[in-house]
Amino acid sequence: MCYREESDFNNDFAEGFTLASSTYVNVRQSMFGEQEVNKIVQSIAEISDSINKYNGDDRDVKILKGYVMESLVPMDFNLRAQLAGSRYRAIQLESTKLASVDVAIVNNFNEVVLKYSFKDMKNPKASARAQATSYYEHYRKKHTGEFDKEKMFSFFRKQGVEVNEQNMYDSIYSGQKRLVPKKHLPGARACLKRLINKEKNPLRAKALQETLDNLTDHLETPDGIKSEAFTEAKTRQLAKKGKIGAFEPSTIGYTTENFVSWRSILNKGWKAGQNAAMMSFLLEYAPLIVNAIVRGNIDLDDFIQHSPKAGTQSCVSFASGFLSCTLLEACQVGKFGEALKSITTEQVGTVVALTFSIVKDVVIGIKENRDPSDVMYDILKDIFIAGCAYKLGTVLSPGLGPLGFIIGSTIGSILGSFFYTQATQFCLSFAETHDVTFFGLVKQDYQLPERLLIKLGLDRYDFDRYKFDSFEFDSFEFDKFKFDRYDFDKFFEIGFVRRGVIGVRKIGYIYEE
């Protein structure tokens, strides 16, 4: 009888394909995490571009700082909105028209939901007055001669703005939020309150109150996402760096490590785990659904019987998908140090798939009370298959992208399983002739075979526990002693003993006549 583990391509294919499928699911969810990281990196790069685009600008820093604030604040908001998964984003309009909107907040349908006017003047009072400038005041600054209402109305009409006696004292930014630097906000509010208390014209007082009600130092959307409130000193400093193109986002804290929290990473991982579980569940039931469509009827018993397996696999897929996405994003944003920022989705997907496969081997080994060497054999096989899958996947991925890695890892897993089985056969053959164990991979048991013991005339017996009977006698009587004859001819009928495979990866004596 031979216990050699013969090569079975179907079994090798199944083992390789199982690990490849697990790797694919994990790589897919890792890609989800990588996409999120890439978006964050892109947003930080846009912040850098929004300041450095003023490189070589001839305008004075006192003027340029206001433009810098208009560029920086919406970029800052978009980064925070992206991390929070908000459906809103900010757009800098860069319009030079009268009373134009500086920044608009739009939803995912590109509908404008909020409008902002930015003013970064030399002091809080100047910022407040700039935001509260009425149509009348704006006209009088340009036309200092005798005032004529009709000429004023005509002046604004030519610029596309309808002004009349009812709104001529309204702020030209009416209907917009008014944003000023952080340290200007308290003083600007105090200034507007004083102006309101002194104002005798009720229309003008109402317009000033409207400005006060909409005064702020940050962008904010209905879902609670807020931009950072920048100071006038900070925008002045950034304007200086922007003029020479030397602004680095990291100098004011714009790094993935600072902006991406563990809460955000775990939220993304949770969503990835849900996606993986759903994919696994559908793949498990896909054959049953196809059969139901082909037959034209649904066998509920098949679905019910398949439910435990589908449920278990979905739970495993959720855990591996969650871990893959979370681990990838945490590494790439720098939570585990600079060295792991370059880790790839393929590496994470392969490692997670291998980890779960090893855990499965250990759990099965404990449950079935398997020999440690058998468990180690399965673990080494998983490592070898994963290595082949990763290597061939990375060879094909440069030319074909993610699809190349999937195809390469699938082929590599199948070939790896086949080659490992062949290598095991070689190890057994080598162990037979050279008496080596390959660090415990091949077990040895050199007890004499039972057939040889019988040929030698030696009796064998097995017992679980030896129990002595109580000794009782009434009288003692000697029996006659009789010698048994030993048949020495048996020695000439005994065959040969050689080293061979006597079990699964086990070497011992084989008796041959």
Protein backbone atom coordinates (compact mmCIF):
# COMPACT_ATOMS: atom_id res chain seq x y z
CA MET A 1 0.00 0.00 0.00
CA CYS A 2 1.38 3.42 -0.95
CA TYR A 3 0.58 6.57 0.99
CA ARG A 4 2.39 8.92 -1.36
CA GLU A 5 0.43 12.16 -1.95
CA GLU A 6 -0.17 11.84 -5.67
CA SER A 7 -0.49 14.97 -7.82
CA ASP A 8 -4.10 15.89 -8.52
CA PHE A 9 -4.40 18.84 -10.89
CA ASN A 10 -8.08 19.35 -10.05
CA ASN A 11 -7.23 19.67 -6.37
CA ASP A 12 -4.26 21.94 -7.13
CA PHE A 13 -6.50 24.09 -9.32
CA ALA A 14 -9.16 24.36 -6.59
CA GLU A 15 -6.62 25.32 -3.90
CA GLY A 16 -4.92 27.87 -6.12
CA PHE A 17 -8.16 29.39 -7.35
CA THR A 18 -9.51 29.72 -3.80
CA LEU A 19 -6.51 31.75 -2.67
CA ALA A 20 -6.59 33.78 -5.91
CA SER A 21 -10.27 34.62 -5.36
CA SER A 22 -9.58 35.74 -1.82
CA THR A 23 -6.65 37.85 -3.04
CA TYR A 24 -8.83 39.43 -5.73
CA VAL A 25 -11.50 40.47 -3.20
CA ASN A 26 -8.86 41.94 -0.89
CA VAL A 27 -7.05 43.77 -3.70
CA ARG A 28 -10.38 45.17 -4.87
CA GLN A 29 -11.14 46.60 -1.42
CA SER A 30 -7.55 47.82 -1.05
CA MET A 31 -8.03 49.73 -4.29
CA PHE A 32 -11.04 51.42 -2.71
CA GLY A 33 -8.81 52.61 0.13
CA GLU A 34 -6.08 53.68 -2.30
CA GLN A 35 -8.57 55.75 -4.30
CA GLU A 36 -9.53 57.61 -1.15
CA VAL A 37 -5.89 58.30 -0.32
CA ASN A 38 -5.21 59.50 -3.87
CA LYS A 39 -8.13 61.92 -3.63
CA ILE A 40 -6.73 63.37 -0.41
CA VAL A 41 -3.24 63.69 -1.88
CA GLN A 42 -4.76 65.38 -4.93
CA SER A 43 -6.68 67.83 -2.73
CA ILE A 44 -3.49 68.77 -0.87
CA ALA A 45 -1.72 69.25 -4.20
CA GLU A 46 -4.55 71.56 -5.30
CA ILE A 47 -4.05 73.62 -2.13
CA SER A 48 -0.40 74.02 -3.07
CA ASP A 49 -1.31 75.02 -6.62
CA SER A 50 -3.90 77.51 -5.38
CA ILE A 51 -1.17 79.53 -3.64
CA ASN A 52 1.80 78.97 -5.93
CA LYS A 53 -0.21 80.07 -8.97
CA TYR A 54 0.59 83.65 -7.85
CA ASN A 55 4.29 83.03 -8.50
CA GLY A 56 5.72 86.17 -10.09
CA ASP A 57 2.59 88.26 -9.41
CA ASP A 58 3.44 91.99 -9.35
CA ARG A 59 0.65 93.03 -6.99
CA ASP A 60 1.50 94.15 -3.48
CA VAL A 61 1.12 91.61 -0.66
CA LYS A 62 -1.53 93.84 0.93
CA ILE A 63 -3.74 93.28 -2.11
CA LEU A 64 -2.64 89.76 -2.99
CA LYS A 65 -3.47 88.35 0.46
CA GLY A 66 -7.18 88.78 -0.25
CA TYR A 67 -6.89 86.70 -3.44
CA VAL A 68 -4.87 84.12 -1.55
CA MET A 69 -7.66 83.77 0.98
CA GLU A 70 -10.22 83.35 -1.83
CA SER A 71 -8.08 80.53 -3.25
CA LEU A 72 -7.11 78.77 -0.04
CA VAL A 73 -10.39 78.67 1.89
CA PRO A 74 -12.43 76.74 -0.73
CA MET A 75 -9.58 74.25 -1.21
CA ASP A 76 -9.41 73.74 2.55
CA PHE A 77 -13.17 73.22 2.68
CA ASN A 78 -13.10 70.68 -0.17
CA LEU A 79 -10.45 68.62 1.60
CA ARG A 80 -12.50 68.48 4.79
CA ALA A 81 -15.72 67.78 2.89
CA GLN A 82 -14.06 64.92 1.05
CA LEU A 83 -12.81 63.33 4.26
CA ALA A 84 -16.29 63.59 5.78
CA GLY A 85 -17.99 62.17 2.67
CA SER A 86 -20.01 65.36 2.16
CA ARG A 87 -22.01 65.93 -1.01
CA TYR A 88 -21.01 69.61 -1.08
CA ARG A 89 -17.94 71.29 -2.56
CA ALA A 90 -16.68 74.84 -2.90
CA ILE A 91 -15.85 76.58 -6.19
CA GLN A 92 -13.79 79.75 -6.57
CA LEU A 93 -15.47 81.78 -9.33
CA GLU A 94 -12.78 84.45 -9.84
CA SER A 95 -15.25 86.90 -11.35
CA THR A 96 -14.48 90.65 -11.59
CA LYS A 97 -18.06 91.76 -12.16
CA LEU A 98 -19.83 94.11 -9.76
CA ALA A 99 -20.89 92.36 -6.53
CA SER A 100 -19.85 89.02 -7.98
CA VAL A 101 -19.75 85.88 -5.86
CA ASP A 102 -16.21 84.93 -4.79
CA VAL A 103 -16.93 81.35 -3.72
CA ALA A 104 -20.02 79.22 -4.33
CA ILE A 105 -21.01 76.06 -2.47
CA VAL A 106 -22.62 73.50 -4.79
CA ASN A 107 -24.16 70.08 -4.19
CA ASN A 108 -23.60 66.88 -6.14
CA PHE A 109 -26.09 68.14 -8.77
CA ASN A 110 -23.98 71.31 -9.30
CA GLU A 111 -26.77 73.39 -7.79
CA VAL A 112 -25.57 76.49 -5.94
CA VAL A 113 -26.77 76.33 -2.34
CA LEU A 114 -24.63 79.10 -0.76
CA LYS A 115 -22.75 82.16 -1.98
CA TYR A 116 -19.83 83.87 -0.23
CA SER A 117 -18.19 87.27 -0.52
CA PHE A 118 -14.61 87.52 0.77
CA LYS A 119 -13.01 90.66 2.20
CA ASP A 120 -9.55 90.77 3.77
CA MET A 121 -8.85 94.45 4.48
CA LYS A 122 -6.25 96.19 6.68
CA ASN A 123 -8.36 96.09 9.86
CA PRO A 124 -11.75 94.81 11.19
CA LYS A 125 -13.50 98.13 10.59
CA ALA A 126 -12.38 98.24 6.95
CA SER A 127 -13.48 94.63 6.39
CA ALA A 128 -16.91 95.32 7.91
CA ARG A 129 -17.47 98.47 5.83
CA ALA A 130 -16.35 96.70 2.65
CA GLN A 131 -18.89 93.91 3.21
CA ALA A 132 -21.66 96.39 4.04
CA THR A 133 -21.06 98.76 1.08
CA SER A 134 -24.43 99.74 -0.37
CA TYR A 135 -25.30 100.42 -4.00
CA TYR A 136 -25.60 104.11 -3.11
CA GLU A 137 -22.16 104.22 -1.47
CA HIS A 138 -20.57 102.32 -4.34
CA TYR A 139 -22.03 104.79 -6.88
CA ARG A 140 -21.04 107.88 -4.90
CA LYS A 141 -17.41 106.73 -4.68
CA LYS A 142 -17.28 106.75 -8.48
CA HIS A 143 -19.49 109.81 -9.04
CA THR A 144 -18.74 112.55 -6.54
CA GLY A 145 -20.68 115.32 -8.29
CA GLU A 146 -24.35 116.16 -8.02
CA PHE A 147 -26.39 113.04 -7.16
CA ASP A 148 -29.03 111.86 -9.65
CA LYS A 149 -31.04 108.74 -8.77
CA GLU A 150 -31.99 107.97 -12.35
CA LYS A 151 -28.38 108.14 -13.48
CA MET A 152 -27.47 105.77 -10.63
CA PHE A 153 -30.21 103.32 -11.60
CA SER A 154 -29.06 103.49 -15.22
CA PHE A 155 -25.42 102.98 -14.14
CA PHE A 156 -26.24 99.71 -12.36
CA ARG A 157 -28.68 98.58 -15.05
CA LYS A 158 -25.85 98.67 -17.59
CA GLN A 159 -23.92 96.27 -15.34
CA GLY A 160 -26.84 93.85 -15.15
CA VAL A 161 -28.03 94.81 -11.68
CA GLU A 162 -31.54 96.16 -11.04
CA VAL A 163 -31.41 98.94 -8.42
CA ASN A 164 -34.37 101.00 -7.23
CA GLU A 165 -35.39 103.18 -4.30
CA GLN A 166 -36.24 100.13 -2.17
CA ASN A 167 -32.85 98.41 -2.43
CA MET A 168 -30.44 101.27 -3.15
CA TYR A 169 -29.23 101.13 0.47
CA ASP A 170 -28.81 97.34 0.47
CA SER A 171 -25.33 95.89 0.49
CA ILE A 172 -24.08 95.11 -3.01
CA TYR A 173 -23.36 91.63 -1.58
CA SER A 174 -26.92 91.15 -0.36
CA GLY A 175 -27.95 87.49 -0.46
CA GLN A 176 -24.40 86.29 0.15
CA LYS A 177 -22.53 85.15 3.24
CA ARG A 178 -19.80 87.69 4.16
CA LEU A 179 -16.45 86.14 5.05
CA VAL A 180 -13.67 88.08 6.80
CA PRO A 181 -10.37 86.97 8.46
CA LYS A 182 -10.67 85.18 11.78
CA LYS A 183 -9.25 87.98 13.97
CA HIS A 184 -11.34 90.57 12.13
CA LEU A 185 -14.66 88.92 12.95
CA PRO A 186 -15.22 90.24 16.54
CA GLY A 187 -14.18 93.78 15.60
CA ALA A 188 -16.24 93.72 12.39
CA ARG A 189 -19.34 92.69 14.31
CA ALA A 190 -18.79 95.43 16.88
CA CYS A 191 -18.36 97.98 14.09
CA LEU A 192 -21.60 96.94 12.37
CA LYS A 193 -23.52 97.11 15.65
CA ARG A 194 -22.32 100.66 16.21
CA LEU A 195 -23.32 101.65 12.69
CA ILE A 196 -26.78 100.13 13.16
CA ASN A 197 -27.31 102.04 16.42
CA LYS A 198 -26.31 105.34 14.80
CA GLU A 199 -28.21 104.82 11.54
CA LYS A 200 -31.45 106.82 11.25
CA ASN A 201 -32.51 105.51 7.83
CA PRO A 202 -34.54 102.32 8.51
CA LEU A 203 -33.70 100.88 5.07
CA ARG A 204 -30.01 101.35 5.63
CA ALA A 205 -30.22 100.00 9.20
CA LYS A 206 -31.97 96.90 7.87
CA ALA A 207 -29.24 96.43 5.26
CA LEU A 208 -26.52 96.72 7.92
CA GLN A 209 -28.32 94.14 10.06
CA GLU A 210 -28.46 91.78 7.09
CA THR A 211 -24.69 92.11 6.72
CA LEU A 212 -24.19 91.48 10.44
CA ASP A 213 -26.40 88.37 10.35
CA ASN A 214 -24.39 86.87 7.49
CA LEU A 215 -20.91 87.79 8.75
CA THR A 216 -18.59 84.80 9.28
CA ASP A 217 -14.95 83.75 9.16
CA HIS A 218 -15.36 80.32 7.53
CA LEU A 219 -17.33 78.34 4.98
CA GLU A 220 -20.06 76.09 6.37
CA THR A 221 -22.60 73.81 4.68
CA PRO A 222 -25.98 72.48 5.87
CA ASP A 223 -24.38 69.15 6.84
CA GLY A 224 -22.00 70.89 9.26
CA ILE A 225 -18.74 70.81 7.26
CA LYS A 226 -16.60 73.83 8.09
CA SER A 227 -13.45 75.27 6.55
CA GLU A 228 -10.60 76.60 8.65
CA ALA A 229 -10.82 80.26 9.66
CA PHE A 230 -7.63 82.00 8.51
CA THR A 231 -6.12 85.11 10.05
CA GLU A 232 -4.98 88.18 8.13
CA ALA A 233 -1.39 87.51 9.24
CA LYS A 234 -1.54 83.96 7.87
CA THR A 235 -2.87 85.04 4.47
CA ARG A 236 -0.20 87.75 4.31
CA GLN A 237 2.51 85.17 5.01
CA LEU A 238 1.09 82.78 2.38
CA ALA A 239 0.90 85.62 -0.16
CA LYS A 240 4.63 86.25 0.30
CA LYS A 241 5.43 82.57 -0.30
CA GLY A 242 3.02 82.39 -3.22
CA LYS A 243 4.73 85.34 -4.98
CA ILE A 244 7.96 83.30 -5.17
CA GLY A 245 6.27 79.90 -5.66
CA ALA A 246 7.70 78.54 -2.38
CA PHE A 247 4.52 77.47 -0.59
CA GLU A 248 4.54 73.94 0.86
CA PRO A 249 1.21 72.68 2.30
CA SER A 250 3.02 70.67 4.98
CA THR A 251 4.35 73.90 6.55
CA ILE A 252 0.83 74.78 7.74
CA GLY A 253 -0.24 71.24 8.61
CA TYR A 254 -1.65 70.00 5.31
CA THR A 255 -0.44 66.38 5.44
CA THR A 256 -2.30 63.09 5.20
CA GLU A 257 -1.14 62.18 8.71
CA ASN A 258 -2.77 65.29 10.19
CA PHE A 259 -5.97 65.31 8.20
CA VAL A 260 -6.91 61.63 7.98
CA SER A 261 -8.17 60.38 11.35
CA TRP A 262 -8.53 56.78 12.46
CA ARG A 263 -12.27 57.33 12.57
CA SER A 264 -12.29 58.23 8.89
CA ILE A 265 -10.07 55.25 8.02
CA LEU A 266 -12.29 52.82 9.94
CA ASN A 267 -15.43 54.26 8.31
CA LYS A 268 -13.95 53.65 4.85
CA GLY A 269 -12.87 50.16 5.93
CA TRP A 270 -16.38 49.39 7.18
CA LYS A 271 -17.87 50.34 3.81
CA ALA A 272 -15.25 48.24 2.01
CA GLY A 273 -16.07 45.27 4.25
CA GLN A 274 -19.75 45.61 3.42
CA ASN A 275 -18.95 45.67 -0.29
CA ALA A 276 -16.76 42.57 0.05
CA ALA A 277 -19.44 40.71 1.99
CA MET A 278 -22.07 41.54 -0.63
CA MET A 279 -19.76 40.43 -3.45
CA SER A 280 -19.02 37.16 -1.67
CA PHE A 281 -22.69 36.52 -0.92
CA LEU A 282 -23.68 37.04 -4.54
CA LEU A 283 -20.84 34.86 -5.82
CA GLU A 284 -21.87 32.04 -3.49
CA TYR A 285 -25.47 32.14 -4.69
CA ALA A 286 -24.69 32.85 -8.35
CA PRO A 287 -24.65 29.14 -9.42
CA LEU A 288 -28.01 28.52 -7.71
CA ILE A 289 -29.53 31.57 -9.34
CA VAL A 290 -28.26 30.50 -12.77
CA ASN A 291 -29.66 26.98 -12.28
CA ALA A 292 -32.99 28.42 -11.18
CA ILE A 293 -33.15 30.55 -14.33
CA VAL A 294 -32.23 27.57 -16.53
CA ARG A 295 -34.77 25.26 -14.90
CA GLY A 296 -37.42 27.93 -14.73
CA ASN A 297 -38.19 27.34 -11.06
CA ILE A 298 -36.59 28.07 -7.69
CA ASP A 299 -35.73 25.25 -5.31
CA LEU A 300 -35.91 26.86 -1.87
CA ASP A 301 -34.29 23.83 -0.24
CA ASP A 302 -31.09 24.44 -2.22
CA PHE A 303 -31.01 28.05 -1.11
CA ILE A 304 -31.69 27.12 2.53
CA GLN A 305 -29.00 24.43 2.56
CA HIS A 306 -26.52 26.83 1.01
CA SER A 307 -27.26 29.62 3.50
CA PRO A 308 -24.78 28.61 6.27
CA LYS A 309 -21.87 28.41 3.84
CA ALA A 310 -22.82 31.69 2.14
CA GLY A 311 -23.25 33.41 5.49
CA THR A 312 -19.91 32.18 6.81
CA GLN A 313 -18.07 33.17 3.64
CA SER A 314 -19.69 36.60 3.70
CA CYS A 315 -18.50 37.16 7.27
CA VAL A 316 -14.95 36.13 6.32
CA SER A 317 -15.06 38.40 3.26
CA PHE A 318 -16.30 41.30 5.37
CA ALA A 319 -13.41 40.88 7.79
CA SER A 320 -10.78 40.56 5.05
CA GLY A 321 -12.24 43.45 3.02
CA PHE A 322 -12.37 45.66 6.10
CA LEU A 323 -8.80 44.80 7.05
CA SER A 324 -7.47 45.26 3.50
CA CYS A 325 -8.97 48.72 3.02
CA THR A 326 -8.14 49.90 6.54
CA LEU A 327 -4.56 48.63 6.45
CA LEU A 328 -3.87 50.08 2.99
CA GLU A 329 -5.23 53.53 3.81
CA ALA A 330 -3.54 53.67 7.22
CA CYS A 331 -0.17 52.77 5.69
CA GLN A 332 -0.40 55.16 2.76
CA VAL A 333 -1.45 58.16 4.86
CA GLY A 334 1.50 57.56 7.20
CA LYS A 335 -0.14 56.17 10.32
CA PHE A 336 2.54 53.46 10.53
CA GLY A 337 5.47 55.62 9.51
CA GLU A 338 7.03 56.97 6.36
CA ALA A 339 8.49 53.62 5.29
CA LEU A 340 5.07 52.01 4.69
CA LYS A 341 3.64 54.87 2.64
CA SER A 342 4.78 53.16 -0.56
CA ILE A 343 2.89 49.92 0.12
CA THR A 344 0.70 48.77 -2.77
CA THR A 345 -2.79 47.31 -3.04
CA GLU A 346 -1.32 44.07 -4.40
CA GLN A 347 0.94 43.66 -1.38
CA VAL A 348 -1.84 44.33 1.11
CA GLY A 349 -4.34 42.10 -0.71
CA THR A 350 -1.88 39.21 -0.86
CA VAL A 351 -0.78 39.52 2.79
CA VAL A 352 -4.36 39.70 4.09
CA ALA A 353 -5.46 36.72 1.97
CA LEU A 354 -2.44 34.74 3.20
CA THR A 355 -3.11 35.70 6.82
CA PHE A 356 -6.70 34.53 6.69
CA SER A 357 -5.65 31.30 4.99
CA ILE A 358 -3.08 30.61 7.72
CA VAL A 359 -5.62 31.34 10.45
CA LYS A 360 -8.01 28.93 8.76
CA ASP A 361 -5.32 26.21 8.69
CA VAL A 362 -4.57 26.68 12.40
CA VAL A 363 -8.24 26.65 13.41
CA ILE A 364 -8.90 23.48 11.41
CA GLY A 365 -5.78 21.90 12.88
CA ILE A 366 -6.94 22.60 16.43
CA LYS A 367 -10.50 21.48 15.71
CA GLU A 368 -9.41 18.19 14.12
CA ASN A 369 -6.51 17.64 16.54
CA ARG A 370 -4.06 17.39 13.67
CA ASP A 371 -0.34 16.85 14.02
CA PRO A 372 1.60 20.17 14.16
CA SER A 373 3.73 19.07 11.19
CA ASP A 374 0.58 18.66 9.08
CA VAL A 375 -0.56 22.17 10.00
CA MET A 376 2.89 23.54 9.18
CA TYR A 377 2.79 21.76 5.82
CA ASP A 378 -0.48 23.53 4.94
CA ILE A 379 0.90 26.89 6.12
CA LEU A 380 4.06 26.52 4.03
CA LYS A 381 1.92 25.57 1.04
CA ASP A 382 -0.21 28.70 1.50
CA ILE A 383 2.91 30.87 1.71
CA PHE A 384 4.36 29.32 -1.44
CA ILE A 385 1.11 29.73 -3.39
CA ALA A 386 0.74 33.34 -2.23
CA GLY A 387 4.31 34.09 -3.26
CA CYS A 388 3.77 32.64 -6.74
CA ALA A 389 0.50 34.55 -7.10
CA TYR A 390 2.07 37.86 -6.10
CA LYS A 391 5.16 37.40 -8.28
CA LEU A 392 3.31 36.51 -11.48
CA GLY A 393 0.67 39.16 -10.75
CA THR A 394 3.29 41.91 -10.47
CA VAL A 395 4.92 40.70 -13.70
CA LEU A 396 1.69 41.16 -15.68
CA SER A 397 0.31 44.24 -13.91
CA PRO A 398 2.66 46.85 -15.51
CA GLY A 399 1.28 46.03 -18.95
CA LEU A 400 -2.33 45.26 -18.11
CA GLY A 401 -2.90 47.20 -14.90
CA PRO A 402 -5.17 45.77 -12.18
CA LEU A 403 -6.56 43.21 -14.63
CA GLY A 404 -3.02 41.96 -15.24
CA PHE A 405 -2.46 41.38 -11.54
CA ILE A 406 -5.76 39.49 -11.22
CA ILE A 407 -4.95 37.24 -14.20
CA GLY A 408 -1.33 36.77 -13.12
CA SER A 409 -2.19 36.01 -9.49
CA THR A 410 -4.83 33.47 -10.54
CA ILE A 411 -2.41 31.63 -12.83
CA GLY A 412 0.37 31.95 -10.27
CA SER A 413 -1.81 30.49 -7.49
CA ILE A 414 -2.78 27.47 -9.58
CA LEU A 415 0.78 26.83 -10.74
CA GLY A 416 2.09 27.38 -7.22
CA SER A 417 -0.24 24.73 -5.81
CA PHE A 418 0.81 22.28 -8.54
CA PHE A 419 4.54 22.93 -8.12
CA TYR A 420 4.34 22.63 -4.34
CA THR A 421 2.72 19.19 -4.67
CA GLN A 422 5.48 18.13 -7.05
CA ALA A 423 8.13 19.49 -4.70
CA THR A 424 6.58 17.45 -1.88
CA GLN A 425 6.97 14.31 -3.96
CA PHE A 426 10.62 15.14 -4.54
CA CYS A 427 11.14 15.70 -0.81
CA LEU A 428 9.62 12.30 -0.03
CA SER A 429 11.79 10.57 -2.62
CA PHE A 430 14.88 12.31 -1.28
CA ALA A 431 13.92 11.43 2.30
CA GLU A 432 13.58 7.74 1.38
CA THR A 433 17.15 7.51 0.18
CA HIS A 434 18.97 10.04 2.39
CA ASP A 435 17.14 9.80 5.75
CA VAL A 436 16.30 13.53 6.12
CA THR A 437 13.15 15.13 7.56
CA PHE A 438 13.26 18.61 5.95
CA PHE A 439 12.82 20.27 9.37
CA GLY A 440 9.90 18.05 10.32
CA LEU A 441 8.04 18.26 7.02
CA VAL A 442 8.64 14.52 6.53
CA LYS A 443 7.89 12.38 9.58
CA GLN A 444 9.75 9.17 10.42
CA ASP A 445 8.49 6.01 12.11
CA TYR A 446 10.86 3.01 12.11
CA GLN A 447 8.72 0.47 13.97
CA LEU A 448 8.96 -2.95 12.34
CA PRO A 449 6.01 -3.67 10.05
CA GLU A 450 3.40 -6.06 11.46
CA ARG A 451 3.88 -8.60 8.66
CA LEU A 452 7.58 -8.87 9.51
CA LEU A 453 6.84 -9.43 13.19
CA ILE A 454 4.40 -12.19 12.30
CA LYS A 455 6.98 -13.81 10.03
CA LEU A 456 9.46 -13.78 12.91
CA GLY A 457 6.89 -15.59 15.06
CA LEU A 458 6.59 -12.78 17.55
CA ASP A 459 3.17 -12.23 19.08
CA ARG A 460 1.80 -8.68 19.22
CA TYR A 461 -1.02 -7.39 21.35
CA ASP A 462 -2.55 -4.02 22.12
CA PHE A 463 -4.10 -2.89 25.36
CA ASP A 464 -5.49 0.31 26.74
CA ARG A 465 -5.11 -0.54 30.42
CA TYR A 466 -3.72 -3.62 32.15
CA LYS A 467 -5.79 -4.89 35.04
CA PHE A 468 -4.69 -7.69 37.40
CA ASP A 469 -7.24 -10.30 38.41
CA SER A 470 -7.50 -11.22 42.06
CA PHE A 471 -5.51 -14.35 42.97
CA GLU A 472 -7.49 -17.15 44.60
CA PHE A 473 -6.57 -20.88 45.00
CA ASP A 474 -7.74 -23.83 47.04
CA SER A 475 -4.87 -26.16 46.26
CA PHE A 476 -1.54 -25.98 44.39
CA GLU A 477 -0.77 -28.48 41.69
CA PHE A 478 2.29 -28.59 39.41
CA ASP A 479 1.68 -28.74 35.64
CA LYS A 480 3.97 -30.57 33.36
CA PHE A 481 6.50 -28.33 31.65
CA LYS A 482 6.59 -28.79 27.86
CA PHE A 483 9.05 -27.11 25.48
CA ASP A 484 7.73 -25.59 22.23
CA ARG A 485 9.85 -26.17 19.18
CA TYR A 486 10.96 -23.13 17.24
CA ASP A 487 10.89 -23.44 13.49
CA PHE A 488 14.24 -22.03 12.33
CA ASP A 489 13.26 -22.44 8.71
CA LYS A 490 11.24 -19.22 9.07
CA PHE A 491 14.46 -17.25 8.99
CA PHE A 492 15.05 -18.43 5.45
CA GLU A 493 11.54 -17.32 4.40
CA ILE A 494 11.88 -13.73 5.71
CA GLY A 495 11.99 -11.03 3.03
CA PHE A 496 13.73 -7.62 3.05
CA VAL A 497 13.05 -4.40 4.95
CA ARG A 498 13.63 -1.08 3.18
CA ARG A 499 12.87 2.59 3.90
CA GLY A 500 9.71 3.84 2.19
CA VAL A 501 6.56 5.97 2.45
CA ILE A 502 4.19 4.44 5.03
CA GLY A 503 1.81 7.35 5.56
CA VAL A 504 1.03 10.88 4.48
CA ARG A 505 4.50 12.51 4.40
CA LYS A 506 5.77 9.71 6.71
CA ILE A 507 8.88 7.58 6.11
CA GLY A 508 9.38 4.15 7.76
CA TYR A 509 10.18 0.49 7.10
CA ILE A 510 8.40 -1.38 4.33
CA TYR A 511 8.58 -5.19 4.36
CA GLU A 512 9.03 -6.94 1.05
CA GLU A 513 9.11 -10.75 0.66
